[in-house]
Amino acid sequence: MAAETTIVGPAQRQTDVTFRRDANGRIYYVVSDAHSGQEIVQVPAKAVRDVSQGIEEFLKQEESKATATSR
């Protein structure tokens, strides 16, 4: 008798992202589980901006490479 194999993909957690201010007025993002409301992680706004800027710089570099190779 042959054994059946079932492939199970990673569970995808539904999340909510909100922002809050701490007592010093600094803004941070809170990622929470959408079903339970349990907080998963807090991310400082500066970290989000840094990631965004890094992505923008990467895309500009990739665009420059694509333009250079198409000439």
N, C-alpha and C. Protein backbone atom coordinates (compact mmCIF):
# COMPACT_ATOMS: atom_id res chain seq x y z
N MET A 1 0.84 -1.17 0.00
CA MET A 1 0.00 0.00 0.00
C MET A 1 0.89 1.25 0.00
N ALA A 2 0.61 2.21 -0.86
CA ALA A 2 1.40 3.43 -0.99
C ALA A 2 0.97 4.45 0.06
N ALA A 3 1.95 5.12 0.62
CA ALA A 3 1.65 6.16 1.61
C ALA A 3 1.33 7.46 0.89
N GLU A 4 0.35 8.18 1.39
CA GLU A 4 0.00 9.48 0.82
C GLU A 4 0.85 10.56 1.47
N THR A 5 1.24 11.52 0.67
CA THR A 5 2.00 12.65 1.18
C THR A 5 1.19 13.90 0.98
N THR A 6 1.03 14.66 2.03
CA THR A 6 0.30 15.92 1.96
C THR A 6 1.30 17.04 2.19
N ILE A 7 1.31 17.99 1.28
CA ILE A 7 2.20 19.14 1.42
C ILE A 7 1.40 20.27 2.07
N VAL A 8 1.92 20.74 3.15
CA VAL A 8 1.26 21.81 3.88
C VAL A 8 2.14 23.04 3.81
N GLY A 9 1.59 24.13 3.30
CA GLY A 9 2.34 25.39 3.22
C GLY A 9 2.37 26.07 4.57
N PRO A 10 3.19 27.09 4.69
CA PRO A 10 3.27 27.82 5.96
C PRO A 10 1.93 28.50 6.27
N ALA A 11 1.57 28.51 7.53
CA ALA A 11 0.34 29.19 7.94
C ALA A 11 0.51 30.69 7.74
N GLN A 12 -0.50 31.29 7.19
CA GLN A 12 -0.43 32.73 6.98
C GLN A 12 -1.27 33.42 8.05
N ARG A 13 -0.61 34.17 8.86
CA ARG A 13 -1.27 34.88 9.95
C ARG A 13 -1.83 36.18 9.42
N GLN A 14 -3.07 36.44 9.71
CA GLN A 14 -3.68 37.72 9.35
C GLN A 14 -3.24 38.74 10.39
N THR A 15 -2.76 39.87 9.93
CA THR A 15 -2.26 40.89 10.86
C THR A 15 -2.94 42.23 10.65
N ASP A 16 -2.92 43.02 11.69
CA ASP A 16 -3.35 44.41 11.64
C ASP A 16 -2.15 45.26 12.01
N VAL A 17 -2.01 46.41 11.36
CA VAL A 17 -0.93 47.34 11.69
C VAL A 17 -1.56 48.66 12.10
N THR A 18 -1.19 49.12 13.27
CA THR A 18 -1.67 50.41 13.76
C THR A 18 -0.46 51.22 14.22
N PHE A 19 -0.66 52.50 14.44
CA PHE A 19 0.45 53.26 15.02
C PHE A 19 -0.02 53.91 16.31
N ARG A 20 0.94 54.09 17.19
CA ARG A 20 0.68 54.67 18.51
C ARG A 20 1.77 55.68 18.83
N ARG A 21 1.49 56.49 19.81
CA ARG A 21 2.50 57.42 20.34
C ARG A 21 2.82 57.00 21.77
N ASP A 22 4.12 57.04 22.08
CA ASP A 22 4.49 56.73 23.46
C ASP A 22 4.39 58.01 24.31
N ALA A 23 4.74 57.90 25.56
CA ALA A 23 4.63 59.04 26.48
C ALA A 23 5.50 60.22 26.07
N ASN A 24 6.56 59.94 25.28
CA ASN A 24 7.46 61.01 24.82
C ASN A 24 7.04 61.57 23.46
N GLY A 25 5.92 61.10 22.92
CA GLY A 25 5.43 61.62 21.64
C GLY A 25 6.00 60.92 20.42
N ARG A 26 6.84 59.90 20.63
CA ARG A 26 7.41 59.17 19.50
C ARG A 26 6.37 58.21 18.93
N ILE A 27 6.31 58.13 17.61
CA ILE A 27 5.36 57.25 16.94
C ILE A 27 6.03 55.91 16.68
N TYR A 28 5.28 54.84 16.87
CA TYR A 28 5.77 53.51 16.52
C TYR A 28 4.60 52.70 15.96
N TYR A 29 4.92 51.72 15.16
CA TYR A 29 3.92 50.86 14.55
C TYR A 29 3.79 49.58 15.37
N VAL A 30 2.57 49.10 15.49
CA VAL A 30 2.30 47.87 16.22
C VAL A 30 1.66 46.88 15.25
N VAL A 31 2.29 45.71 15.13
CA VAL A 31 1.74 44.64 14.30
C VAL A 31 1.09 43.65 15.26
N SER A 32 -0.21 43.40 15.04
CA SER A 32 -0.98 42.52 15.92
C SER A 32 -1.65 41.42 15.12
N ASP A 33 -1.93 40.30 15.78
CA ASP A 33 -2.70 39.22 15.18
C ASP A 33 -4.13 39.72 15.00
N ALA A 34 -4.67 39.62 13.79
CA ALA A 34 -5.99 40.16 13.50
C ALA A 34 -7.10 39.43 14.24
N HIS A 35 -6.89 38.16 14.55
CA HIS A 35 -7.94 37.37 15.21
C HIS A 35 -7.91 37.52 16.72
N SER A 36 -6.75 37.44 17.33
CA SER A 36 -6.67 37.47 18.79
C SER A 36 -6.38 38.85 19.35
N GLY A 37 -5.83 39.74 18.50
CA GLY A 37 -5.43 41.06 18.98
C GLY A 37 -4.09 41.05 19.68
N GLN A 38 -3.46 39.87 19.78
CA GLN A 38 -2.16 39.76 20.45
C GLN A 38 -1.09 40.52 19.68
N GLU A 39 -0.33 41.33 20.40
CA GLU A 39 0.75 42.10 19.78
C GLU A 39 1.87 41.18 19.36
N ILE A 40 2.32 41.33 18.11
CA ILE A 40 3.41 40.50 17.58
C ILE A 40 4.73 41.24 17.69
N VAL A 41 4.74 42.50 17.27
CA VAL A 41 5.98 43.27 17.29
C VAL A 41 5.66 44.77 17.25
N GLN A 42 6.58 45.57 17.82
CA GLN A 42 6.51 47.03 17.73
C GLN A 42 7.70 47.47 16.90
N VAL A 43 7.46 48.39 15.97
CA VAL A 43 8.52 48.86 15.09
C VAL A 43 8.57 50.38 15.17
N PRO A 44 9.73 50.96 15.51
CA PRO A 44 9.85 52.42 15.53
C PRO A 44 9.65 53.00 14.13
N ALA A 45 9.03 54.15 14.05
CA ALA A 45 8.77 54.79 12.76
C ALA A 45 10.07 55.01 11.97
N LYS A 46 11.16 55.33 12.66
CA LYS A 46 12.44 55.55 11.97
C LYS A 46 12.89 54.28 11.26
N ALA A 47 12.68 53.13 11.86
CA ALA A 47 13.06 51.86 11.22
C ALA A 47 12.25 51.64 9.95
N VAL A 48 10.97 52.00 9.97
CA VAL A 48 10.12 51.86 8.79
C VAL A 48 10.62 52.80 7.69
N ARG A 49 10.96 54.03 8.05
CA ARG A 49 11.50 54.99 7.06
C ARG A 49 12.82 54.49 6.48
N ASP A 50 13.69 53.96 7.33
CA ASP A 50 14.99 53.45 6.86
C ASP A 50 14.80 52.31 5.86
N VAL A 51 13.87 51.41 6.15
CA VAL A 51 13.60 50.30 5.22
C VAL A 51 13.07 50.84 3.91
N SER A 52 12.15 51.78 3.99
CA SER A 52 11.58 52.38 2.78
C SER A 52 12.66 53.04 1.92
N GLN A 53 13.55 53.78 2.56
CA GLN A 53 14.63 54.44 1.82
C GLN A 53 15.56 53.41 1.21
N GLY A 54 15.84 52.33 1.92
CA GLY A 54 16.69 51.27 1.38
C GLY A 54 16.07 50.63 0.15
N ILE A 55 14.77 50.40 0.19
CA ILE A 55 14.08 49.83 -0.97
C ILE A 55 14.14 50.79 -2.15
N GLU A 56 13.90 52.08 -1.90
CA GLU A 56 13.97 53.07 -2.96
C GLU A 56 15.35 53.11 -3.61
N GLU A 57 16.40 53.08 -2.79
CA GLU A 57 17.76 53.10 -3.32
C GLU A 57 18.05 51.86 -4.15
N PHE A 58 17.61 50.70 -3.67
CA PHE A 58 17.79 49.45 -4.41
C PHE A 58 17.09 49.52 -5.76
N LEU A 59 15.86 50.00 -5.78
CA LEU A 59 15.12 50.08 -7.04
C LEU A 59 15.78 51.05 -8.02
N LYS A 60 16.33 52.15 -7.51
CA LYS A 60 17.04 53.10 -8.38
C LYS A 60 18.28 52.43 -8.98
N GLN A 61 19.01 51.65 -8.17
CA GLN A 61 20.19 50.95 -8.67
C GLN A 61 19.81 49.94 -9.73
N GLU A 62 18.74 49.19 -9.51
CA GLU A 62 18.29 48.20 -10.48
C GLU A 62 17.84 48.87 -11.77
N GLU A 63 17.18 50.01 -11.67
CA GLU A 63 16.75 50.76 -12.84
C GLU A 63 17.97 51.26 -13.62
N SER A 64 18.98 51.74 -12.91
CA SER A 64 20.20 52.21 -13.56
C SER A 64 20.89 51.06 -14.30
N LYS A 65 20.95 49.89 -13.68
CA LYS A 65 21.56 48.72 -14.31
C LYS A 65 20.79 48.33 -15.56
N ALA A 66 19.47 48.34 -15.49
CA ALA A 66 18.63 47.95 -16.63
C ALA A 66 18.81 48.94 -17.77
N THR A 67 18.90 50.22 -17.44
CA THR A 67 19.09 51.25 -18.46
C THR A 67 20.45 51.12 -19.10
N ALA A 68 21.47 50.83 -18.29
CA ALA A 68 22.84 50.70 -18.82
C ALA A 68 22.97 49.50 -19.73
N THR A 69 22.31 48.39 -19.43
CA THR A 69 22.44 47.19 -20.26
C THR A 69 21.59 47.26 -21.52
N SER A 70 20.58 48.13 -21.54
CA SER A 70 19.74 48.22 -22.73
C SER A 70 20.30 49.19 -23.77
N ARG A 71 21.38 49.86 -23.44
CA ARG A 71 21.96 50.82 -24.40
C ARG A 71 22.87 50.14 -25.36
